[in-house]
Structures are given as structure tokens and as C-alpha cells.
Amino acid sequence: MTTVLLRKMMSRVGVGSAHVDLILNKSLWRQGEMIQGIVHIYGGTVEQRIERLDVELVQKTIENGKELDAIVAVIPAAGAFSIKPSEKKEIPFSYMIPETLPPSRPGRSYRFITRLHIEDAVDTLDFDYVQILPKK
């Protein structure tokens, strides 16, 4: 088996696959503010086809010892593209926090899940926790 074929097989299960990292310019935001950041995409050991790149804002609520996750928004960040081995791409990211979004508090937290949908392979994820404060 050739090295390239082995790398392709390994990347399908996530080993040596492309990965993603959302970098936000801060972690405390107010209702109605525009969140800004950059999504960094890093190529793995083989060229891969990315079907799409999404960022989800997820609210986690803990009530009576039970954790409930609710997707607040799915923000499309990029459509289909290819990434070569060891290539680096940067995609700007922004999202307006709804003024009606309940603020963070004990038992209610928020996180962004950045999801790289990879064709014929395991999707890669990045988690970034943010705190939502009341509007001034």
C-alpha cells in the first residue's frame, strides 16, 4: 500500500485530516453586539474536499440536573472548497447577537461550534465558549 493511499484512508477517520479553529477577538459580548473573528482552516496530510463550513451558536441550559442544548443560530461561513496538505486558509466571521437572546447566567451558557464538513471523512469541530451580557 502506498503512503498516499494510507494517508487518505487515515484522514477519512480523522487522523491527519484538515482541522478548524475559530478565533474571536474577545469572549464577553453584549446583546445586540456584532461578534467578529476569523476561522482558521489547516490542511491535513492529504488534499480534502470541504463541503461547507458552519458555525453554530448553542445555548446550554442546566435545569434540575439535566443538560439541554439548543441551537440558537447556524451561521454559514463558507461553501464548498478544497484544501491542500498543510495549506492554511482564513475566513472572516461575524454574527450579530440578537437583542432578545437571554444573557449568560449560572445554568445558562453559550458556545460556538465551528464545524468543517469534510467530504467522505469525519467532520472536525472547534468549541469556543462566550459570555453574553445584558445590553447596556
C-alpha atoms as a PDB file:
ATOM      1  CA  MET A   1       0.000   0.000   0.000  1.00  0.00           C
ATOM      2  CA  THR A   2       1.392   3.383  -0.925  1.00  0.00           C
ATOM      3  CA  THR A   3       1.942   6.110   1.634  1.00  0.00           C
ATOM      4  CA  VAL A   4      -0.548   8.431  -0.118  1.00  0.00           C
ATOM      5  CA  LEU A   5      -3.293   5.800  -0.052  1.00  0.00           C
ATOM      6  CA  LEU A   6      -2.638   5.141   3.638  1.00  0.00           C
ATOM      7  CA  ARG A   7      -2.815   8.887   4.396  1.00  0.00           C
ATOM      8  CA  LYS A   8      -6.121   9.157   2.507  1.00  0.00           C
ATOM      9  CA  MET A   9      -7.586   6.245   4.463  1.00  0.00           C
ATOM     10  CA  MET A  10      -6.370   7.669   7.795  1.00  0.00           C
ATOM     11  CA  SER A  11      -7.741  11.160   7.019  1.00  0.00           C
ATOM     12  CA  ARG A  12     -11.210   9.653   6.427  1.00  0.00           C
ATOM     13  CA  VAL A  13     -11.317   8.586  10.074  1.00  0.00           C
ATOM     14  CA  GLY A  14      -9.912  11.912  11.241  1.00  0.00           C
ATOM     15  CA  VAL A  15      -6.186  11.112  11.545  1.00  0.00           C
ATOM     16  CA  GLY A  16      -4.192  13.718   9.622  1.00  0.00           C
ATOM     17  CA  SER A  17      -7.413  15.378   8.489  1.00  0.00           C
ATOM     18  CA  ALA A  18      -7.983  19.097   7.938  1.00  0.00           C
ATOM     19  CA  HIS A  19      -8.945  20.949  11.125  1.00  0.00           C
ATOM     20  CA  VAL A  20     -10.529  24.242  12.076  1.00  0.00           C
ATOM     21  CA  ASP A  21     -10.065  26.907  14.773  1.00  0.00           C
ATOM     22  CA  LEU A  22     -12.359  29.901  15.329  1.00  0.00           C
ATOM     23  CA  ILE A  23     -10.515  32.853  16.855  1.00  0.00           C
ATOM     24  CA  LEU A  24     -12.756  35.557  18.334  1.00  0.00           C
ATOM     25  CA  ASN A  25     -11.366  38.960  19.289  1.00  0.00           C
ATOM     26  CA  LYS A  26     -12.936  38.637  22.782  1.00  0.00           C
ATOM     27  CA  SER A  27     -15.146  36.280  24.776  1.00  0.00           C
ATOM     28  CA  LEU A  28     -17.524  38.745  26.500  1.00  0.00           C
ATOM     29  CA  TRP A  29     -20.293  40.189  24.325  1.00  0.00           C
ATOM     30  CA  ARG A  30     -23.456  42.195  24.888  1.00  0.00           C
ATOM     31  CA  GLN A  31     -26.912  41.591  23.446  1.00  0.00           C
ATOM     32  CA  GLY A  32     -27.118  43.344  20.058  1.00  0.00           C
ATOM     33  CA  GLU A  33     -23.316  43.422  19.529  1.00  0.00           C
ATOM     34  CA  MET A  34     -21.564  42.187  16.386  1.00  0.00           C
ATOM     35  CA  ILE A  35     -19.250  39.265  17.144  1.00  0.00           C
ATOM     36  CA  GLN A  36     -16.119  39.336  14.982  1.00  0.00           C
ATOM     37  CA  GLY A  37     -13.456  36.731  14.424  1.00  0.00           C
ATOM     38  CA  ILE A  38     -11.510  34.641  11.944  1.00  0.00           C
ATOM     39  CA  VAL A  39     -11.933  30.969  11.120  1.00  0.00           C
ATOM     40  CA  HIS A  40      -8.546  29.322  10.556  1.00  0.00           C
ATOM     41  CA  ILE A  41      -8.564  26.157   8.448  1.00  0.00           C
ATOM     42  CA  TYR A  42      -5.478  23.961   8.384  1.00  0.00           C
ATOM     43  CA  GLY A  43      -4.936  21.312   5.726  1.00  0.00           C
ATOM     44  CA  GLY A  44      -4.054  17.818   6.849  1.00  0.00           C
ATOM     45  CA  THR A  45      -1.749  15.253   5.251  1.00  0.00           C
ATOM     46  CA  VAL A  46      -3.772  14.904   2.015  1.00  0.00           C
ATOM     47  CA  GLU A  47      -5.902  17.197  -0.139  1.00  0.00           C
ATOM     48  CA  GLN A  48      -9.518  17.171   1.031  1.00  0.00           C
ATOM     49  CA  ARG A  49     -12.792  18.492  -0.308  1.00  0.00           C
ATOM     50  CA  ILE A  50     -14.692  20.596   2.212  1.00  0.00           C
ATOM     51  CA  GLU A  51     -18.449  20.511   1.614  1.00  0.00           C
ATOM     52  CA  ARG A  52     -19.130  23.552   3.808  1.00  0.00           C
ATOM     53  CA  LEU A  53     -18.084  25.399   6.940  1.00  0.00           C
ATOM     54  CA  ASP A  54     -20.736  26.303   9.521  1.00  0.00           C
ATOM     55  CA  VAL A  55     -20.597  27.994  12.900  1.00  0.00           C
ATOM     56  CA  GLU A  56     -23.404  27.151  15.333  1.00  0.00           C
ATOM     57  CA  LEU A  57     -24.302  29.244  18.355  1.00  0.00           C
ATOM     58  CA  VAL A  58     -25.525  26.801  21.004  1.00  0.00           C
ATOM     59  CA  GLN A  59     -27.209  27.618  24.304  1.00  0.00           C
ATOM     60  CA  LYS A  60     -26.670  25.108  27.103  1.00  0.00           C
ATOM     61  CA  THR A  61     -29.187  25.159  29.941  1.00  0.00           C
ATOM     62  CA  ILE A  62     -28.936  23.098  33.098  1.00  0.00           C
ATOM     63  CA  GLU A  63     -32.238  22.588  34.884  1.00  0.00           C
ATOM     64  CA  ASN A  64     -32.979  20.004  37.560  1.00  0.00           C
ATOM     65  CA  GLY A  65     -29.629  18.338  36.857  1.00  0.00           C
ATOM     66  CA  LYS A  66     -30.403  17.877  33.145  1.00  0.00           C
ATOM     67  CA  GLU A  67     -28.370  19.497  30.368  1.00  0.00           C
ATOM     68  CA  LEU A  68     -30.276  20.799  27.365  1.00  0.00           C
ATOM     69  CA  ASP A  69     -28.569  22.104  24.233  1.00  0.00           C
ATOM     70  CA  ALA A  70     -30.493  24.380  21.880  1.00  0.00           C
ATOM     71  CA  ILE A  71     -29.118  25.710  18.602  1.00  0.00           C
ATOM     72  CA  VAL A  72     -29.684  29.468  18.551  1.00  0.00           C
ATOM     73  CA  ALA A  73     -28.294  30.001  15.044  1.00  0.00           C
ATOM     74  CA  VAL A  74     -26.389  28.240  12.272  1.00  0.00           C
ATOM     75  CA  ILE A  75     -24.126  30.737  10.524  1.00  0.00           C
ATOM     76  CA  PRO A  76     -22.824  29.590   7.125  1.00  0.00           C
ATOM     77  CA  ALA A  77     -19.174  30.688   6.911  1.00  0.00           C
ATOM     78  CA  ALA A  78     -18.109  29.119   3.587  1.00  0.00           C
ATOM     79  CA  GLY A  79     -19.393  26.904   0.802  1.00  0.00           C
ATOM     80  CA  ALA A  80     -17.505  24.076  -0.888  1.00  0.00           C
ATOM     81  CA  PHE A  81     -13.742  24.325  -1.415  1.00  0.00           C
ATOM     82  CA  SER A  82     -10.635  22.152  -1.430  1.00  0.00           C
ATOM     83  CA  ILE A  83      -7.707  22.396   0.957  1.00  0.00           C
ATOM     84  CA  LYS A  84      -4.269  21.071   0.093  1.00  0.00           C
ATOM     85  CA  PRO A  85      -1.896  19.337   2.534  1.00  0.00           C
ATOM     86  CA  SER A  86      -0.525  21.809   5.117  1.00  0.00           C
ATOM     87  CA  GLU A  87      -2.385  24.720   3.456  1.00  0.00           C
ATOM     88  CA  LYS A  88      -3.761  27.462   5.733  1.00  0.00           C
ATOM     89  CA  LYS A  89      -6.906  29.449   4.964  1.00  0.00           C
ATOM     90  CA  GLU A  90      -8.520  32.307   6.884  1.00  0.00           C
ATOM     91  CA  ILE A  91     -12.187  33.199   6.581  1.00  0.00           C
ATOM     92  CA  PRO A  92     -13.656  36.270   8.316  1.00  0.00           C
ATOM     93  CA  PHE A  93     -16.543  35.549  10.685  1.00  0.00           C
ATOM     94  CA  SER A  94     -19.205  37.861  12.078  1.00  0.00           C
ATOM     95  CA  TYR A  95     -22.550  37.400  13.785  1.00  0.00           C
ATOM     96  CA  MET A  96     -24.982  39.900  15.294  1.00  0.00           C
ATOM     97  CA  ILE A  97     -26.136  38.729  18.719  1.00  0.00           C
ATOM     98  CA  PRO A  98     -29.920  39.043  18.909  1.00  0.00           C
ATOM     99  CA  GLU A  99     -31.014  41.701  21.408  1.00  0.00           C
ATOM    100  CA  THR A 100     -33.590  39.210  22.706  1.00  0.00           C
ATOM    101  CA  LEU A 101     -31.036  36.454  23.455  1.00  0.00           C
ATOM    102  CA  PRO A 102     -31.170  35.711  27.202  1.00  0.00           C
ATOM    103  CA  PRO A 103     -27.890  36.692  28.928  1.00  0.00           C
ATOM    104  CA  SER A 104     -25.496  34.111  30.352  1.00  0.00           C
ATOM    105  CA  ARG A 105     -26.047  33.168  33.996  1.00  0.00           C
ATOM    106  CA  PRO A 106     -25.356  30.187  36.221  1.00  0.00           C
ATOM    107  CA  GLY A 107     -27.150  27.320  34.479  1.00  0.00           C
ATOM    108  CA  ARG A 108     -27.170  29.077  31.062  1.00  0.00           C
ATOM    109  CA  SER A 109     -24.059  29.254  28.891  1.00  0.00           C
ATOM    110  CA  TYR A 110     -23.195  29.727  25.234  1.00  0.00           C
ATOM    111  CA  ARG A 111     -20.644  28.281  22.864  1.00  0.00           C
ATOM    112  CA  PHE A 112     -19.826  28.433  19.202  1.00  0.00           C
ATOM    113  CA  ILE A 113     -19.296  25.097  17.472  1.00  0.00           C
ATOM    114  CA  THR A 114     -17.319  25.512  14.269  1.00  0.00           C
ATOM    115  CA  ARG A 115     -17.927  22.521  12.026  1.00  0.00           C
ATOM    116  CA  LEU A 116     -15.821  21.631   8.997  1.00  0.00           C
ATOM    117  CA  HIS A 117     -17.974  19.287   6.868  1.00  0.00           C
ATOM    118  CA  ILE A 118     -15.422  17.112   5.037  1.00  0.00           C
ATOM    119  CA  GLU A 119     -16.449  15.003   2.048  1.00  0.00           C
ATOM    120  CA  ASP A 120     -16.129  11.243   2.775  1.00  0.00           C
ATOM    121  CA  ALA A 121     -14.498  11.857   6.162  1.00  0.00           C
ATOM    122  CA  VAL A 122     -15.205  12.601   9.806  1.00  0.00           C
ATOM    123  CA  ASP A 123     -16.204  16.251  10.339  1.00  0.00           C
ATOM    124  CA  THR A 124     -13.874  18.276  12.549  1.00  0.00           C
ATOM    125  CA  LEU A 125     -15.141  20.576  15.279  1.00  0.00           C
ATOM    126  CA  ASP A 126     -13.905  23.504  17.344  1.00  0.00           C
ATOM    127  CA  PHE A 127     -15.612  24.785  20.516  1.00  0.00           C
ATOM    128  CA  ASP A 128     -15.437  28.380  21.768  1.00  0.00           C
ATOM    129  CA  TYR A 129     -17.286  29.458  24.887  1.00  0.00           C
ATOM    130  CA  VAL A 130     -18.631  33.007  25.069  1.00  0.00           C
ATOM    131  CA  GLN A 131     -20.456  35.002  27.697  1.00  0.00           C
ATOM    132  CA  ILE A 132     -23.468  37.088  26.693  1.00  0.00           C
ATOM    133  CA  LEU A 133     -24.070  40.147  28.891  1.00  0.00           C
ATOM    134  CA  PRO A 134     -27.217  42.296  29.033  1.00  0.00           C
ATOM    135  CA  LYS A 135     -27.372  45.259  26.676  1.00  0.00           C
ATOM    136  CA  LYS A 136     -26.156  48.492  28.287  1.00  0.00           C
END
